[in-house]
Amino acid sequence: MIVHAQDDRETSIHYRVRISPRRPVEEPMILRAEFENPGNPGRPVRQQVEVNPGDRLIGLDSPPVWGLRPGQVYQITIEAYDRQGNRLGVHRQGVYSSIDSRSPQIQRRR
């Protein structure tokens, strides 16, 4: 999903992915996520998380992203690797945006 959060100090828009494995995780692994960057399509946003045996819910949040357009579908790719660096699998998914982060009502605060 795409999350828009705003408080007194900061406005942020980021991707949020929650993964619930179908089978229990038996060996440690690394998940690497690549999120489409609407503000700079040639430079995707990346995030990584380590998954340990027994983990039932795995979360990945991207750093803030800007340039989202409503009605667009943005791509997320998640790759799983073992600790030796061997790729175990890949999942690709589109995420629909209802947010227009180009709007003047959504301003980046620095």
Protein backbone atom coordinates (compact mmCIF):
# COMPACT_ATOMS: atom_id res chain seq x y z
CA MET A 1 0.00 0.00 0.00
CA ILE A 2 0.99 3.65 -0.26
CA VAL A 3 0.83 5.50 3.05
CA HIS A 4 0.47 9.25 3.57
CA ALA A 5 1.39 10.38 7.07
CA GLN A 6 1.40 13.92 8.37
CA ASP A 7 2.05 15.40 11.77
CA ASP A 8 3.17 18.81 13.06
CA ARG A 9 6.75 18.26 11.94
CA GLU A 10 6.68 16.12 8.85
CA THR A 11 4.74 14.95 5.84
CA SER A 12 5.80 11.64 4.38
CA ILE A 13 4.55 9.35 1.67
CA HIS A 14 6.01 5.89 1.40
CA TYR A 15 5.31 2.36 0.29
CA ARG A 16 4.42 -0.17 2.97
CA VAL A 17 4.56 -3.91 2.35
CA ARG A 18 3.51 -6.55 4.89
CA ILE A 19 4.34 -10.17 4.12
CA SER A 20 2.88 -13.16 5.90
CA PRO A 21 4.64 -16.37 4.79
CA ARG A 22 2.40 -19.31 3.88
CA ARG A 23 4.86 -21.71 5.46
CA PRO A 24 7.01 -21.09 8.53
CA VAL A 25 10.41 -19.56 7.78
CA GLU A 26 12.93 -22.32 8.52
CA GLU A 27 16.23 -20.63 7.63
CA PRO A 28 17.30 -16.99 7.92
CA MET A 29 16.91 -15.04 4.70
CA ILE A 30 17.21 -11.53 3.33
CA LEU A 31 14.35 -9.77 1.55
CA ARG A 32 15.31 -6.98 -0.83
CA ALA A 33 12.57 -4.68 -2.04
CA GLU A 34 12.79 -2.35 -5.01
CA PHE A 35 10.07 0.30 -5.16
CA GLU A 36 9.33 2.31 -8.28
CA ASN A 37 10.41 5.90 -7.72
CA PRO A 38 7.85 8.19 -9.39
CA GLY A 39 10.03 11.25 -8.81
CA ASN A 40 13.03 9.67 -10.55
CA PRO A 41 12.04 6.53 -12.52
CA GLY A 42 15.66 5.65 -13.31
CA ARG A 43 16.54 5.41 -9.61
CA PRO A 44 14.27 2.97 -7.75
CA VAL A 45 14.05 3.16 -3.97
CA ARG A 46 15.47 0.10 -2.22
CA GLN A 47 15.05 -1.42 1.22
CA GLN A 48 16.25 -4.63 2.83
CA VAL A 49 15.20 -6.66 5.86
CA GLU A 50 16.47 -9.85 7.49
CA VAL A 51 13.91 -12.57 8.16
CA ASN A 52 14.48 -15.10 10.92
CA PRO A 53 12.93 -18.49 11.65
CA GLY A 54 9.59 -18.06 13.34
CA ASP A 55 8.88 -14.62 11.88
CA ARG A 56 5.18 -14.53 11.04
CA LEU A 57 4.82 -10.98 9.74
CA ILE A 58 7.55 -9.18 7.83
CA GLY A 59 7.37 -5.46 7.17
CA LEU A 60 9.14 -3.32 4.62
CA ASP A 61 8.64 0.45 4.43
CA SER A 62 10.35 2.51 1.77
CA PRO A 63 12.01 5.82 2.44
CA PRO A 64 9.76 8.76 1.45
CA VAL A 65 8.78 9.00 -2.23
CA TRP A 66 7.46 11.99 -4.17
CA GLY A 67 5.88 12.57 -7.55
CA LEU A 68 2.99 10.11 -7.16
CA ARG A 69 0.05 10.58 -9.51
CA PRO A 70 -3.46 9.42 -8.67
CA GLY A 71 -4.73 6.52 -10.75
CA GLN A 72 -1.22 5.22 -11.49
CA VAL A 73 0.05 1.77 -10.64
CA TYR A 74 3.61 1.65 -9.28
CA GLN A 75 5.72 -1.49 -9.25
CA ILE A 76 7.32 -3.25 -6.29
CA THR A 77 9.74 -6.16 -6.67
CA ILE A 78 10.73 -8.29 -3.69
CA GLU A 79 13.57 -10.80 -3.94
CA ALA A 80 14.42 -13.38 -1.28
CA TYR A 81 18.03 -14.50 -0.73
CA ASP A 82 19.67 -16.96 1.61
CA ARG A 83 22.63 -15.82 3.70
CA GLN A 84 25.05 -17.04 1.03
CA GLY A 85 23.48 -14.68 -1.51
CA ASN A 86 21.60 -17.31 -3.53
CA ARG A 87 18.27 -16.01 -4.84
CA LEU A 88 15.38 -18.07 -3.50
CA GLY A 89 12.51 -16.34 -5.27
CA VAL A 90 11.00 -13.14 -6.56
CA HIS A 91 7.58 -11.48 -6.26
CA ARG A 92 6.39 -8.53 -8.35
CA GLN A 93 3.31 -6.53 -7.56
CA GLY A 94 1.64 -3.32 -8.66
CA VAL A 95 0.38 -0.80 -6.12
CA TYR A 96 -2.42 1.61 -7.01
CA SER A 97 -2.00 5.24 -5.92
CA SER A 98 -4.92 7.43 -4.96
CA ILE A 99 -2.45 10.09 -3.75
CA ASP A 100 -1.22 13.04 -5.77
CA SER A 101 2.01 14.05 -4.05
CA ARG A 102 2.51 16.77 -6.66
CA SER A 103 -0.44 18.61 -5.10
CA PRO A 104 0.24 21.90 -3.28
CA GLN A 105 -1.66 20.53 -0.25
CA ILE A 106 1.08 17.90 0.20
CA GLN A 107 4.31 19.75 0.79
CA ARG A 108 7.65 18.30 1.66
CA ARG A 109 8.94 19.81 4.87
CA ARG A 110 12.65 20.05 5.43
